[in-house]
Every structure is written in structure tokens, then in C-alpha cells.
């Protein structure tokens, strides 16, 4: 997965394997920076009240794809060691995007919404 930050957008480019596991047709997810309302490196609470549609889930191995939760529609691509970049969005197709990144703290610092 490749993240690219411009002055107006965050682009998340998925390789073919990530697209396969996430059942995601497009190769990229575009997020306008103005739609990011919160960024953290905390692993969000998950619940048994999630609907995976479509996606892949093997406990302790991978959680990928679109999930419908109490928080809204979310995109996940997470694998161990579960260092999660947690983006909360407004006015976007997804209400949340959760990505496992080795340098998640760096991205967390770079993406903090400006007041």
C-alpha cells in the first residue's frame, strides 16, 4: 500500500493483492483533506455487530474490506502487528478508514486536521 499526500488530498493506492483481500475494485481511495475530522493511532473498538460486505476476515491474520458498523461504513486493511492509522471522515463514502502501517505515527502526525 502506498500513501501519497498532496496539499488537497490523501491518496491510498492498493496493490493487486490488497485489492483482492479487500474485494476493492479500484486501485486507489481518494480522501480530500478537508473531510478528515480526526486522526489517531489507536486501534478502534470492534464489535460483533459488524457486517463485512465485501471483505476478508481471518482472526489474528487480516481484516480487509468494507465493514458496516455502528459508526457507519468503514474501510479496513489491517494485518499484524496491528499498528493502525485511524481516519474519521465526514461527507465521504467511508466514515472511517483503518490502515495497518509500519510508520503509522508519522502519518498520524502529518494528517492531523488543522484548526
C-alpha atoms as a PDB file:
ATOM      1  CA  UNK A   1       0.000   0.000   0.000  1.00  0.00           C
ATOM      2  CA  UNK A   2       1.259   3.426  -0.951  1.00  0.00           C
ATOM      3  CA  UNK A   3       0.030   6.634   0.682  1.00  0.00           C
ATOM      4  CA  UNK A   4       0.512   9.936  -1.133  1.00  0.00           C
ATOM      5  CA  UNK A   5      -0.204  13.310   0.428  1.00  0.00           C
ATOM      6  CA  UNK A   6      -0.779  16.454  -1.631  1.00  0.00           C
ATOM      7  CA  UNK A   7      -1.945  19.864  -0.480  1.00  0.00           C
ATOM      8  CA  UNK A   8      -5.585  18.829  -1.002  1.00  0.00           C
ATOM      9  CA  UNK A   9      -5.846  15.009  -0.927  1.00  0.00           C
ATOM     10  CA  UNK A  10      -4.626  11.818   0.648  1.00  0.00           C
ATOM     11  CA  UNK A  11      -4.431   9.011  -1.904  1.00  0.00           C
ATOM     12  CA  UNK A  12      -4.305   5.395  -0.746  1.00  0.00           C
ATOM     13  CA  UNK A  13      -3.029   3.173  -3.583  1.00  0.00           C
ATOM     14  CA  UNK A  14      -3.698  -0.527  -3.090  1.00  0.00           C
ATOM     15  CA  UNK A  15      -1.677  -3.186  -4.903  1.00  0.00           C
ATOM     16  CA  UNK A  16      -3.450  -6.100  -6.593  1.00  0.00           C
ATOM     17  CA  UNK A  17      -3.190  -8.386  -3.548  1.00  0.00           C
ATOM     18  CA  UNK A  18      -4.615  -5.760  -1.220  1.00  0.00           C
ATOM     19  CA  UNK A  19      -7.450  -5.123  -3.668  1.00  0.00           C
ATOM     20  CA  UNK A  20      -8.115  -8.875  -3.795  1.00  0.00           C
ATOM     21  CA  UNK A  21      -8.252  -9.316   0.015  1.00  0.00           C
ATOM     22  CA  UNK A  22     -10.311  -6.137   0.441  1.00  0.00           C
ATOM     23  CA  UNK A  23     -12.602  -7.009  -2.502  1.00  0.00           C
ATOM     24  CA  UNK A  24     -11.968  -3.444  -3.689  1.00  0.00           C
ATOM     25  CA  UNK A  25     -12.338  -2.879  -7.427  1.00  0.00           C
ATOM     26  CA  UNK A  26     -10.479   0.432  -7.695  1.00  0.00           C
ATOM     27  CA  UNK A  27      -6.765   0.715  -7.117  1.00  0.00           C
ATOM     28  CA  UNK A  28      -6.968   3.958  -5.116  1.00  0.00           C
ATOM     29  CA  UNK A  29      -9.053   5.657  -2.464  1.00  0.00           C
ATOM     30  CA  UNK A  30      -9.048   9.464  -2.631  1.00  0.00           C
ATOM     31  CA  UNK A  31      -9.705  11.417   0.553  1.00  0.00           C
ATOM     32  CA  UNK A  32      -9.952  15.219   0.431  1.00  0.00           C
ATOM     33  CA  UNK A  33      -8.053  16.574   3.442  1.00  0.00           C
ATOM     34  CA  UNK A  34     -10.987  18.816   4.376  1.00  0.00           C
ATOM     35  CA  UNK A  35     -13.063  15.669   5.036  1.00  0.00           C
ATOM     36  CA  UNK A  36     -10.661  14.320   7.679  1.00  0.00           C
ATOM     37  CA  UNK A  37     -12.137  15.238  11.059  1.00  0.00           C
ATOM     38  CA  UNK A  38      -9.980  13.070  13.346  1.00  0.00           C
ATOM     39  CA  UNK A  39      -6.748  11.083  13.095  1.00  0.00           C
ATOM     40  CA  UNK A  40      -5.317   8.697  15.664  1.00  0.00           C
ATOM     41  CA  UNK A  41      -3.080   5.698  16.019  1.00  0.00           C
ATOM     42  CA  UNK A  42      -5.437   3.933  18.384  1.00  0.00           C
ATOM     43  CA  UNK A  43      -6.964   0.650  17.396  1.00  0.00           C
ATOM     44  CA  UNK A  44     -10.704   1.293  17.302  1.00  0.00           C
ATOM     45  CA  UNK A  45     -13.147  -0.776  19.270  1.00  0.00           C
ATOM     46  CA  UNK A  46     -14.584  -3.579  17.202  1.00  0.00           C
ATOM     47  CA  UNK A  47     -17.758  -5.368  17.938  1.00  0.00           C
ATOM     48  CA  UNK A  48     -19.564  -8.483  16.863  1.00  0.00           C
ATOM     49  CA  UNK A  49     -22.178  -6.152  15.354  1.00  0.00           C
ATOM     50  CA  UNK A  50     -20.281  -5.622  12.122  1.00  0.00           C
ATOM     51  CA  UNK A  51     -21.324  -6.637   8.657  1.00  0.00           C
ATOM     52  CA  UNK A  52     -18.500  -7.389   6.221  1.00  0.00           C
ATOM     53  CA  UNK A  53     -19.703  -6.557   2.744  1.00  0.00           C
ATOM     54  CA  UNK A  54     -17.458  -7.320   0.915  1.00  0.00           C
ATOM     55  CA  UNK A  55     -14.162  -8.205   2.515  1.00  0.00           C
ATOM     56  CA  UNK A  56     -11.936 -10.744   4.202  1.00  0.00           C
ATOM     57  CA  UNK A  57     -11.543 -11.588   7.874  1.00  0.00           C
ATOM     58  CA  UNK A  58      -9.346 -14.226   9.486  1.00  0.00           C
ATOM     59  CA  UNK A  59      -8.978 -13.568  13.248  1.00  0.00           C
ATOM     60  CA  UNK A  60      -5.444 -12.523  14.136  1.00  0.00           C
ATOM     61  CA  UNK A  61      -4.384 -12.559  10.459  1.00  0.00           C
ATOM     62  CA  UNK A  62      -6.269  -9.981   8.377  1.00  0.00           C
ATOM     63  CA  UNK A  63      -9.242  -7.661   8.392  1.00  0.00           C
ATOM     64  CA  UNK A  64      -9.777  -6.105   4.969  1.00  0.00           C
ATOM     65  CA  UNK A  65     -12.603  -4.587   3.001  1.00  0.00           C
ATOM     66  CA  UNK A  66     -15.795  -2.673   3.642  1.00  0.00           C
ATOM     67  CA  UNK A  67     -17.496  -3.065   7.009  1.00  0.00           C
ATOM     68  CA  UNK A  68     -20.803  -1.637   8.195  1.00  0.00           C
ATOM     69  CA  UNK A  69     -20.661  -0.792  11.904  1.00  0.00           C
ATOM     70  CA  UNK A  70     -22.468   1.410  14.393  1.00  0.00           C
ATOM     71  CA  UNK A  71     -20.021   4.156  13.337  1.00  0.00           C
ATOM     72  CA  UNK A  72     -21.053   3.857   9.657  1.00  0.00           C
ATOM     73  CA  UNK A  73     -19.409   2.400   6.530  1.00  0.00           C
ATOM     74  CA  UNK A  74     -15.676   1.789   7.073  1.00  0.00           C
ATOM     75  CA  UNK A  75     -12.723   0.597   5.010  1.00  0.00           C
ATOM     76  CA  UNK A  76     -10.207  -1.683   6.711  1.00  0.00           C
ATOM     77  CA  UNK A  77      -6.859  -3.069   5.665  1.00  0.00           C
ATOM     78  CA  UNK A  78      -5.171  -4.334   8.805  1.00  0.00           C
ATOM     79  CA  UNK A  79      -2.695  -7.111   9.475  1.00  0.00           C
ATOM     80  CA  UNK A  80      -0.344  -7.836  12.401  1.00  0.00           C
ATOM     81  CA  UNK A  81       1.293  -6.133  14.247  1.00  0.00           C
ATOM     82  CA  UNK A  82      -1.942  -4.091  14.196  1.00  0.00           C
ATOM     83  CA  UNK A  83      -0.366  -0.635  14.187  1.00  0.00           C
ATOM     84  CA  UNK A  84      -3.458   1.141  12.919  1.00  0.00           C
ATOM     85  CA  UNK A  85      -3.812   4.560  11.317  1.00  0.00           C
ATOM     86  CA  UNK A  86      -7.380   5.557  12.189  1.00  0.00           C
ATOM     87  CA  UNK A  87      -9.042   8.239   9.999  1.00  0.00           C
ATOM     88  CA  UNK A  88     -12.530   9.544  10.816  1.00  0.00           C
ATOM     89  CA  UNK A  89     -14.202  11.291   7.878  1.00  0.00           C
ATOM     90  CA  UNK A  90     -17.232  13.459   7.117  1.00  0.00           C
ATOM     91  CA  UNK A  91     -19.094  13.723   3.814  1.00  0.00           C
ATOM     92  CA  UNK A  92     -17.141  10.803   2.325  1.00  0.00           C
ATOM     93  CA  UNK A  93     -18.200   7.385   1.056  1.00  0.00           C
ATOM     94  CA  UNK A  94     -16.464   5.920   4.127  1.00  0.00           C
ATOM     95  CA  UNK A  95     -16.983   7.276   7.650  1.00  0.00           C
ATOM     96  CA  UNK A  96     -13.715   5.692   8.735  1.00  0.00           C
ATOM     97  CA  UNK A  97     -10.557   4.279   7.167  1.00  0.00           C
ATOM     98  CA  UNK A  98      -8.286   1.976   9.172  1.00  0.00           C
ATOM     99  CA  UNK A  99      -4.885   1.005   7.768  1.00  0.00           C
ATOM    100  CA  UNK A 100      -2.046  -1.039   9.253  1.00  0.00           C
ATOM    101  CA  UNK A 101       1.169   0.876   8.574  1.00  0.00           C
ATOM    102  CA  UNK A 102       4.672   0.390   9.912  1.00  0.00           C
ATOM    103  CA  UNK A 103       5.038   4.194  10.153  1.00  0.00           C
ATOM    104  CA  UNK A 104       1.518   4.942  11.379  1.00  0.00           C
ATOM    105  CA  UNK A 105       2.671   7.521  13.963  1.00  0.00           C
ATOM    106  CA  UNK A 106       4.404   9.541  11.251  1.00  0.00           C
ATOM    107  CA  UNK A 107       1.225   9.562   9.150  1.00  0.00           C
ATOM    108  CA  UNK A 108      -0.823  10.360  12.222  1.00  0.00           C
ATOM    109  CA  UNK A 109       1.287  13.483  12.837  1.00  0.00           C
ATOM    110  CA  UNK A 110       1.176  14.563   9.178  1.00  0.00           C
ATOM    111  CA  UNK A 111      -2.598  14.158   8.806  1.00  0.00           C
ATOM    112  CA  UNK A 112      -3.808  15.927  11.938  1.00  0.00           C
ATOM    113  CA  UNK A 113      -6.588  18.307  10.901  1.00  0.00           C
ATOM    114  CA  UNK A 114      -5.578  21.960  11.035  1.00  0.00           C
ATOM    115  CA  UNK A 115      -7.770  24.210  13.176  1.00  0.00           C
END
